[in-house]
Amino acid sequence: MLNGQVKIPESQYRVINEQVSAVTVTVDEPGFDTLMCCHQWGERFKCIIAYAKIYTEGMFNADITCQSKNSEVDTMSCEWNKSAWAQVRLLYRQYTSMCETISEMEGSEEAEQNMECPSGAGDHRECTLRNLSLFSCYKIWLDVEGGRGKVRSFPVYVAPIDYVKPSPPSVLEATTLPNKTLSVSWRRPHLPVYDMQYELRIVALRGMANTQWKVIGPLLEPQAEIHLEKSCVQFKVEVRCRRLNGSGYWSGWSMSYTSVVYNRKAPEMGPDFWRVIQEDPVRSVTNVTLIIKQPVLAGDPYSCVEGLVIEHQASGIAVWSNETTLAQFHSFQWRKEAHTVTVMSRNALGISTRNRNMTLLHQPKRRCVRSFSAVANSSCVYLSWSLLSDHPVPQSFVIEWLDLKKDPEQDVSLAERLQWVRVQSAS
């Protein structure tokens, strides 16, 4: 088999005498191949003995690629493809002229003598060259060991300055503004000194169904302002850079930065909320789940809501509070005593002063609705009701309904199935 992979047809073998055989091998391009003795091993072949090394004179494509690092501008790492069995040497030659003119200067006195990768000949696929001149041009090629200098790769001409992979930008700052703008700035790497272009990627940390990175660019300045669909949403932000004009590589992405939500004042109003009450007779407690409406984030151009404060007051004496994120649900246990709950909006500057509260009492419910009817069509439901005449008119009504599409036998709580809306009284 050729290189332990290509089976040679029997028609290409011939016997010369009892000790010598010959085989005709067809190769597609110059390079190095190994003729091997292989035998069947299950569904594969196991190759043990290398009978002959075949050198095909000429030049082959080794796909040599090189990269300089911003942190070590006099060092360049090169990689290449080669036959699995070949022993190669990486050779290079330095020119003081630009790479575009080297083909005209081959053999001139301007070219230095050949230099070799410090690793020497071997089964290598990469090499690091050091003490290079950033602005010189280097001719780089592979020489197959044993090919007497007649089996080599096509050369590549590389100027380290053109193949720098910069360090990522640093000192990243990002601010989410209440006017639906994300303001981002960063510091470019000090080296290399040429002009840079940038790409910015952002992903929302909450409040959006699509959590994929959004890439913005190319950008020509180390700053950007991005218009957002929603205000007051925090974003994770990263940025990378590369040379503006000419070849080169993108840097890695910078360290992530979470945008700071900018506020001029504390929120004015807390969110609206409702409750689901479920009795637990075994433990003689009642489980209460608050269903909290998200605050209207775009309502105030100077204030963003970053979380909630839920205040409890039991029997008019004990008061305690829980600080949470912008959660949709909040659960607690309620015992016999009267229990008042207040939900407040908060940010770094304080909490809201206009808040809705709810008092829970263990007492029989009063009937105040005389009649209730519902008429539905393909797109909406029309509700109407009348009240008992001997009761005062409520300030508002809460209409709640269940989402029947969610299977109650699945692991979905009643609070997640319940939907509700508050309707102000008409009188």
Protein backbone atom coordinates (compact mmCIF):
# COMPACT_ATOMS: atom_id res chain seq x y z
CA MET A 1 0.00 0.00 0.00
CA LEU A 2 1.11 3.56 -0.66
CA ASN A 3 1.51 5.51 2.60
CA GLY A 4 -0.54 2.83 4.35
CA GLN A 5 -3.70 4.21 2.73
CA VAL A 6 -3.85 3.53 -1.03
CA LYS A 7 -4.02 -0.12 -2.10
CA ILE A 8 -1.95 -0.84 -5.22
CA PRO A 9 -3.73 -3.15 -7.75
CA GLU A 10 -2.10 -6.54 -8.39
CA SER A 11 -1.84 -5.69 -12.09
CA GLN A 12 0.90 -3.20 -11.20
CA TYR A 13 3.15 -5.88 -9.63
CA ARG A 14 5.66 -8.06 -11.52
CA VAL A 15 8.22 -10.64 -10.39
CA ILE A 16 11.82 -10.16 -11.53
CA ASN A 17 13.29 -13.25 -9.78
CA GLU A 18 12.81 -15.28 -6.62
CA GLN A 19 14.11 -12.48 -4.43
CA VAL A 20 13.19 -9.33 -6.32
CA SER A 21 9.80 -7.93 -7.28
CA ALA A 22 8.84 -4.68 -8.95
CA VAL A 23 5.80 -2.47 -8.66
CA THR A 24 4.62 0.44 -10.76
CA VAL A 25 3.31 3.35 -8.71
CA THR A 26 1.45 6.35 -10.06
CA VAL A 27 1.80 9.58 -8.10
CA ASP A 28 -0.22 12.72 -8.76
CA GLU A 29 2.35 15.35 -7.76
CA PRO A 30 5.94 15.81 -6.58
CA GLY A 31 6.72 14.92 -2.99
CA PHE A 32 7.41 11.94 -0.77
CA ASP A 33 5.61 8.59 -0.52
CA THR A 34 6.27 5.32 1.30
CA LEU A 35 5.63 1.83 -0.12
CA MET A 36 4.50 -0.39 2.76
CA CYS A 37 3.72 -4.05 3.38
CA CYS A 38 0.24 -4.37 4.89
CA HIS A 39 -2.09 -7.24 5.82
CA GLN A 40 -5.80 -7.43 6.56
CA TRP A 41 -6.72 -6.62 10.17
CA GLY A 42 -10.49 -6.94 10.52
CA GLU A 43 -12.02 -4.29 8.28
CA ARG A 44 -8.74 -2.38 8.13
CA PHE A 45 -5.15 -2.96 7.07
CA LYS A 46 -2.19 -3.13 9.45
CA CYS A 47 1.07 -1.86 7.95
CA ILE A 48 4.39 -2.88 9.50
CA ILE A 49 7.26 -2.82 7.05
CA ALA A 50 8.28 0.14 4.88
CA TYR A 51 9.74 -1.37 1.69
CA ALA A 52 10.77 1.76 -0.14
CA LYS A 53 10.85 5.53 0.09
CA ILE A 54 9.72 7.20 -3.10
CA TYR A 55 10.94 10.71 -3.90
CA THR A 56 9.20 12.44 -6.79
CA GLU A 57 11.29 15.38 -7.93
CA GLY A 58 9.62 18.75 -8.18
CA MET A 59 7.77 21.21 -5.98
CA PHE A 60 4.63 20.48 -3.97
CA ASN A 61 2.15 22.65 -2.07
CA ALA A 62 2.72 22.38 1.68
CA ASP A 63 0.17 25.10 2.56
CA ILE A 64 2.62 26.96 4.79
CA THR A 65 0.96 29.56 7.04
CA CYS A 66 2.72 31.86 9.51
CA GLN A 67 1.61 34.07 12.36
CA SER A 68 3.36 36.68 14.49
CA LYS A 69 2.14 37.52 17.97
CA ASN A 70 1.81 41.06 19.19
CA SER A 71 3.50 40.15 22.47
CA GLU A 72 6.60 38.84 20.63
CA VAL A 73 6.91 40.79 17.40
CA ASP A 74 10.33 39.27 16.57
CA THR A 75 8.91 35.73 16.74
CA MET A 76 6.83 33.97 14.10
CA SER A 77 5.19 30.52 14.22
CA CYS A 78 4.71 28.61 10.96
CA GLU A 79 2.64 25.48 10.26
CA TRP A 80 2.38 23.24 7.19
CA ASN A 81 0.92 20.05 5.74
CA LYS A 82 3.08 17.14 4.67
CA SER A 83 3.12 13.39 4.11
CA ALA A 84 2.75 11.47 7.36
CA TRP A 85 5.99 9.58 6.66
CA ALA A 86 8.19 12.39 5.40
CA GLN A 87 11.14 13.86 7.30
CA VAL A 88 11.40 17.55 6.40
CA ARG A 89 13.52 20.58 7.12
CA LEU A 90 12.05 24.09 7.18
CA LEU A 91 14.42 26.53 5.50
CA TYR A 92 14.13 30.29 5.26
CA ARG A 93 16.03 33.21 3.82
CA GLN A 94 15.87 36.88 4.79
CA TYR A 95 15.54 39.81 2.37
CA THR A 96 15.64 43.48 3.27
CA SER A 97 13.30 44.41 0.42
CA MET A 98 9.52 44.20 0.23
CA CYS A 99 8.02 40.78 -0.51
CA GLU A 100 6.39 42.09 -3.70
CA THR A 101 9.84 42.61 -5.29
CA ILE A 102 11.65 39.48 -4.08
CA SER A 103 11.00 37.42 -7.22
CA GLU A 104 13.12 39.92 -9.15
CA MET A 105 15.98 39.72 -6.65
CA GLU A 106 16.41 35.95 -6.30
CA GLY A 107 20.15 35.27 -6.30
CA SER A 108 21.16 38.91 -5.71
CA GLU A 109 23.56 39.99 -3.01
CA GLU A 110 20.66 41.40 -0.98
CA ALA A 111 19.55 37.93 0.04
CA GLU A 112 21.10 36.41 3.13
CA GLN A 113 22.20 32.77 3.33
CA ASN A 114 19.71 30.01 4.03
CA MET A 115 18.74 29.45 7.65
CA GLU A 116 17.05 26.40 9.14
CA CYS A 117 14.36 25.82 11.73
CA PRO A 118 16.07 25.08 15.07
CA SER A 119 14.23 21.75 15.28
CA GLY A 120 16.20 20.43 12.30
CA ALA A 121 14.98 17.57 10.10
CA GLY A 122 12.15 15.43 11.45
CA ASP A 123 8.47 14.60 11.50
CA HIS A 124 7.51 18.20 12.24
CA ARG A 125 4.42 20.17 11.25
CA GLU A 126 5.29 23.49 12.88
CA CYS A 127 8.28 25.62 13.79
CA THR A 128 8.86 28.86 15.69
CA LEU A 129 11.35 31.29 14.16
CA ARG A 130 12.95 33.83 16.48
CA ASN A 131 15.02 37.01 16.29
CA LEU A 132 13.29 38.11 13.10
CA SER A 133 13.11 41.59 11.65
CA LEU A 134 9.51 42.76 11.73
CA PHE A 135 9.76 44.65 8.42
CA SER A 136 12.00 42.24 6.46
CA CYS A 137 10.66 39.71 3.96
CA TYR A 138 11.32 36.01 4.52
CA LYS A 139 11.24 33.27 1.91
CA ILE A 140 10.13 30.04 3.62
CA TRP A 141 9.96 26.51 2.17
CA LEU A 142 10.20 22.80 3.11
CA ASP A 143 12.96 20.48 1.95
CA VAL A 144 12.25 16.73 2.10
CA GLU A 145 15.11 14.92 3.84
CA GLY A 146 16.70 12.37 1.48
CA GLY A 147 15.44 14.08 -1.65
CA ARG A 148 18.88 15.56 -2.38
CA GLY A 149 17.43 19.04 -2.54
CA LYS A 150 15.19 18.14 -5.49
CA VAL A 151 11.97 17.52 -3.55
CA ARG A 152 10.78 20.72 -1.93
CA SER A 153 7.65 22.77 -1.37
CA PHE A 154 6.66 25.92 -3.16
CA PRO A 155 8.03 28.86 -1.15
CA VAL A 156 5.95 31.47 0.60
CA TYR A 157 7.10 35.06 1.08
CA VAL A 158 6.19 36.49 4.46
CA ALA A 159 6.83 39.82 6.16
CA PRO A 160 6.16 39.36 9.91
CA ILE A 161 4.52 42.79 10.09
CA ASP A 162 1.82 41.55 7.67
CA TYR A 163 0.94 38.47 9.71
CA VAL A 164 0.64 39.80 13.23
CA LYS A 165 -2.09 38.50 15.49
CA PRO A 166 -2.59 41.46 17.84
CA SER A 167 -3.38 41.19 21.51
CA PRO A 168 -7.09 41.78 22.22
CA PRO A 169 -8.23 45.31 23.09
CA SER A 170 -8.32 46.12 26.80
CA VAL A 171 -9.88 48.53 29.32
CA LEU A 172 -13.34 47.72 27.99
CA GLU A 173 -16.22 49.83 29.35
CA ALA A 174 -19.92 49.59 28.51
CA THR A 175 -22.94 51.53 29.75
CA THR A 176 -26.62 50.80 29.10
CA LEU A 177 -28.40 54.15 28.87
CA PRO A 178 -32.13 54.65 29.55
CA ASN A 179 -32.60 56.06 26.00
CA LYS A 180 -32.15 52.57 24.46
CA THR A 181 -28.46 53.04 23.73
CA LEU A 182 -25.47 50.86 24.61
CA SER A 183 -22.30 52.96 24.80
CA VAL A 184 -19.02 50.99 24.55
CA SER A 185 -15.37 52.08 24.55
CA TRP A 186 -12.02 50.24 24.71
CA ARG A 187 -8.26 50.71 24.38
CA ARG A 188 -6.41 49.39 21.33
CA PRO A 189 -3.18 47.37 21.81
CA HIS A 190 0.00 49.47 21.79
CA LEU A 191 1.63 47.32 19.07
CA PRO A 192 1.65 47.03 16.14
CA VAL A 193 1.37 50.74 15.41
CA TYR A 194 -0.69 50.60 12.19
CA ASP A 195 -4.38 51.55 12.00
CA MET A 196 -6.83 49.02 13.41
CA GLN A 197 -10.36 47.90 12.67
CA TYR A 198 -12.61 46.36 15.30
CA GLU A 199 -15.52 43.98 15.71
CA LEU A 200 -17.84 44.17 18.70
CA ARG A 201 -20.14 41.41 19.87
CA ILE A 202 -22.92 41.72 22.44
CA VAL A 203 -25.48 39.43 24.06
CA ALA A 204 -28.36 40.42 26.34
CA LEU A 205 -28.30 39.00 29.86
CA ARG A 206 -32.08 39.04 30.26
CA GLY A 207 -35.35 39.99 28.67
CA MET A 208 -34.69 38.73 25.13
CA ALA A 209 -35.53 35.36 23.61
CA ASN A 210 -32.52 35.37 21.28
CA THR A 211 -29.39 34.79 23.37
CA GLN A 212 -26.96 34.45 20.45
CA TRP A 213 -24.03 36.84 20.12
CA LYS A 214 -24.69 39.75 17.79
CA VAL A 215 -21.55 40.89 15.93
CA ILE A 216 -21.24 44.58 14.99
CA GLY A 217 -18.56 45.90 12.66
CA PRO A 218 -16.18 46.61 11.17
CA LEU A 219 -15.66 49.67 13.37
CA LEU A 220 -12.87 52.18 12.76
CA GLU A 221 -12.81 53.92 16.16
CA PRO A 222 -12.26 52.38 19.62
CA GLN A 223 -15.81 53.23 20.64
CA ALA A 224 -19.37 52.58 19.52
CA GLU A 225 -22.99 53.40 20.34
CA ILE A 226 -25.55 50.72 19.54
CA HIS A 227 -29.29 51.36 19.35
CA LEU A 228 -31.24 48.80 21.38
CA GLU A 229 -34.76 47.44 21.03
CA LYS A 230 -35.30 47.69 24.79
CA SER A 231 -33.96 50.03 27.42
CA CYS A 232 -32.33 49.14 30.73
CA VAL A 233 -31.09 45.70 29.61
CA GLN A 234 -27.60 44.64 30.65
CA PHE A 235 -25.31 43.22 27.96
CA LYS A 236 -22.18 41.10 27.96
CA VAL A 237 -19.70 42.79 25.61
CA GLU A 238 -16.48 41.62 23.90
CA VAL A 239 -14.28 43.22 21.21
CA ARG A 240 -11.44 42.14 18.90
CA CYS A 241 -9.15 43.90 16.40
CA ARG A 242 -7.01 43.42 13.31
CA ARG A 243 -5.01 45.50 10.84
CA LEU A 244 -7.15 47.95 8.87
CA ASN A 245 -5.30 47.88 5.53
CA GLY A 246 -3.39 44.82 4.39
CA SER A 247 -3.17 41.24 5.56
CA GLY A 248 -3.13 40.02 9.13
CA TYR A 249 -5.18 38.10 11.68
CA TRP A 250 -8.01 38.95 14.01
CA SER A 251 -6.99 39.06 17.65
CA GLY A 252 -8.78 36.85 20.10
CA TRP A 253 -11.91 38.25 21.73
CA SER A 254 -11.25 40.45 24.74
CA MET A 255 -12.33 39.52 28.24
CA SER A 256 -16.09 39.88 28.71
CA TYR A 257 -17.47 43.03 30.29
CA THR A 258 -21.02 43.42 31.62
CA SER A 259 -22.55 46.79 30.87
CA VAL A 260 -23.40 49.10 33.75
CA VAL A 261 -26.96 50.40 33.78
CA TYR A 262 -26.89 54.20 34.00
CA ASN A 263 -29.39 55.92 36.27
CA ARG A 264 -29.96 59.54 37.30
CA LYS A 265 -32.51 58.71 39.98
CA ALA A 266 -34.28 55.89 41.76
CA PRO A 267 -37.41 54.34 40.16
CA GLU A 268 -40.65 56.15 40.92
CA MET A 269 -43.14 53.29 40.76
CA GLY A 270 -43.15 49.64 41.78
CA PRO A 271 -44.61 46.87 39.58
CA ASP A 272 -48.15 45.59 39.62
CA PHE A 273 -48.63 42.05 40.96
CA TRP A 274 -51.21 39.39 41.76
CA ARG A 275 -51.16 36.18 43.79
CA VAL A 276 -51.90 32.45 43.66
CA ILE A 277 -52.94 30.91 47.01
CA GLN A 278 -52.62 27.16 47.64
CA GLU A 279 -53.45 25.53 50.98
CA ASP A 280 -51.14 22.95 52.61
CA PRO A 281 -53.31 21.29 55.29
CA VAL A 282 -50.58 18.81 56.28
CA ARG A 283 -48.26 21.57 57.54
CA SER A 284 -51.09 23.99 58.39
CA VAL A 285 -49.64 26.70 56.17
CA THR A 286 -50.71 28.47 53.01
CA ASN A 287 -48.31 28.81 50.09
CA VAL A 288 -48.51 32.15 48.31
CA THR A 289 -46.89 32.84 44.93
CA LEU A 290 -46.74 36.42 43.72
CA ILE A 291 -47.03 36.87 39.93
CA ILE A 292 -45.18 40.09 39.17
CA LYS A 293 -45.62 42.23 36.07
CA GLN A 294 -42.35 43.48 34.64
CA PRO A 295 -41.89 47.25 35.11
CA VAL A 296 -42.39 49.52 32.13
CA LEU A 297 -38.66 50.02 31.51
CA ALA A 298 -38.97 52.68 28.82
CA GLY A 299 -41.32 54.89 30.78
CA ASP A 300 -38.69 57.00 32.49
CA PRO A 301 -35.69 58.31 30.49
CA TYR A 302 -33.65 58.86 33.68
CA SER A 303 -34.25 55.64 35.59
CA CYS A 304 -33.82 51.90 35.01
CA VAL A 305 -35.16 49.13 37.23
CA GLU A 306 -32.42 46.65 38.15
CA GLY A 307 -34.31 44.49 40.65
CA LEU A 308 -37.10 44.26 43.22
CA VAL A 309 -37.51 44.62 46.97
CA ILE A 310 -40.39 42.58 48.43
CA GLU A 311 -41.41 43.80 51.87
CA HIS A 312 -43.50 41.71 54.28
CA GLN A 313 -45.38 42.89 57.35
CA ALA A 314 -47.09 40.33 59.58
CA SER A 315 -49.69 41.21 62.24
CA GLY A 316 -48.78 44.87 61.87
CA ILE A 317 -45.53 44.42 63.81
CA ALA A 318 -42.84 42.23 62.22
CA VAL A 319 -41.34 43.68 59.03
CA TRP A 320 -38.76 42.03 56.78
CA SER A 321 -37.80 42.27 53.12
CA ASN A 322 -36.24 40.23 50.31
CA GLU A 323 -34.09 41.75 47.57
CA THR A 324 -34.41 39.92 44.24
CA THR A 325 -33.66 40.29 40.56
CA LEU A 326 -36.41 41.18 38.10
CA ALA A 327 -38.18 37.89 38.78
CA GLN A 328 -41.65 37.00 37.54
CA PHE A 329 -42.55 34.91 40.60
CA HIS A 330 -41.90 35.12 44.33
CA SER A 331 -43.16 32.52 46.84
CA PHE A 332 -43.53 32.53 50.62
CA GLN A 333 -45.50 30.79 53.37
CA TRP A 334 -48.43 32.52 55.01
CA ARG A 335 -49.83 31.48 58.37
CA LYS A 336 -52.95 32.64 60.24
CA GLU A 337 -52.09 36.26 60.88
CA ALA A 338 -52.78 39.18 58.56
CA HIS A 339 -49.93 39.61 56.10
CA THR A 340 -49.20 42.67 53.95
CA VAL A 341 -46.88 42.45 50.95
CA THR A 342 -45.37 45.42 49.11
CA VAL A 343 -43.31 45.05 45.91
CA MET A 344 -40.90 47.90 45.14
CA SER A 345 -38.62 48.58 42.18
CA ARG A 346 -34.94 49.28 42.89
CA ASN A 347 -31.71 50.39 41.28
CA ALA A 348 -28.33 51.52 42.59
CA LEU A 349 -29.77 54.91 43.61
CA GLY A 350 -32.69 53.69 45.71
CA ILE A 351 -36.17 52.17 45.71
CA SER A 352 -39.53 53.32 44.37
CA THR A 353 -41.88 55.40 46.52
CA ARG A 354 -45.18 54.73 44.70
CA ASN A 355 -45.87 51.05 45.26
CA ARG A 356 -48.77 48.64 45.22
CA ASN A 357 -49.42 46.50 48.30
CA MET A 358 -51.69 43.57 49.07
CA THR A 359 -53.07 42.42 52.43
CA LEU A 360 -53.85 38.74 52.91
CA LEU A 361 -56.58 37.87 55.45
CA HIS A 362 -58.05 34.52 56.52
CA GLN A 363 -61.74 35.44 56.28
CA PRO A 364 -64.66 34.43 54.07
CA LYS A 365 -64.73 36.02 50.64
CA ARG A 366 -67.44 38.59 50.01
CA ARG A 367 -69.54 38.23 46.92
CA CYS A 368 -69.75 41.45 44.93
CA VAL A 369 -70.46 40.27 41.34
CA ARG A 370 -74.10 39.71 40.38
CA SER A 371 -73.56 38.38 36.84
CA PHE A 372 -70.64 37.51 34.58
CA SER A 373 -70.58 36.54 30.88
CA ALA A 374 -67.99 35.86 28.19
CA VAL A 375 -68.29 35.93 24.38
CA ALA A 376 -65.37 34.69 22.26
CA ASN A 377 -64.47 34.89 18.58
CA SER A 378 -61.37 33.75 16.69
CA SER A 379 -59.11 36.47 18.07
CA CYS A 380 -60.44 37.80 21.38
CA VAL A 381 -62.82 37.35 24.30
CA TYR A 382 -65.39 39.98 25.35
CA LEU A 383 -66.18 39.98 29.08
CA SER A 384 -69.00 41.78 30.88
CA TRP A 385 -70.24 41.73 34.45
CA SER A 386 -72.52 43.58 36.84
CA LEU A 387 -72.10 44.27 40.56
CA LEU A 388 -74.40 43.91 43.53
CA SER A 389 -75.98 47.27 44.21
CA ASP A 390 -75.44 47.24 47.98
CA HIS A 391 -71.62 47.03 47.72
CA PRO A 392 -69.18 49.90 47.21
CA VAL A 393 -67.55 50.03 43.77
CA PRO A 394 -64.01 48.52 43.86
CA GLN A 395 -61.03 50.59 42.70
CA SER A 396 -60.07 47.87 40.20
CA PHE A 397 -60.84 44.34 39.04
CA VAL A 398 -58.44 41.45 38.41
CA ILE A 399 -59.36 39.05 35.62
CA GLU A 400 -57.48 35.76 35.68
CA TRP A 401 -57.57 32.79 33.31
CA LEU A 402 -55.69 29.52 32.78
CA ASP A 403 -53.62 28.60 29.75
CA LEU A 404 -55.21 25.26 28.79
CA LYS A 405 -52.47 24.56 26.24
CA LYS A 406 -50.09 23.78 29.12
CA ASP A 407 -50.74 20.26 30.42
CA PRO A 408 -51.50 20.45 34.17
CA GLU A 409 -50.05 16.93 34.61
CA GLN A 410 -46.64 18.13 33.42
CA ASP A 411 -44.17 19.86 35.71
CA VAL A 412 -45.79 23.28 35.33
CA SER A 413 -47.00 25.12 38.42
CA LEU A 414 -50.38 26.80 38.70
CA ALA A 415 -48.64 30.19 38.85
CA GLU A 416 -47.00 29.51 35.47
CA ARG A 417 -50.33 28.48 33.89
CA LEU A 418 -52.28 31.40 35.32
CA GLN A 419 -52.55 34.66 33.38
CA TRP A 420 -54.10 37.85 34.67
CA VAL A 421 -54.80 41.50 33.97
CA ARG A 422 -55.91 44.37 36.18
CA VAL A 423 -58.81 46.53 34.95
CA GLN A 424 -59.54 49.88 36.54
CA SER A 425 -63.10 50.54 37.66
CA ALA A 426 -65.12 52.62 35.17
CA SER A 427 -66.87 54.75 37.81
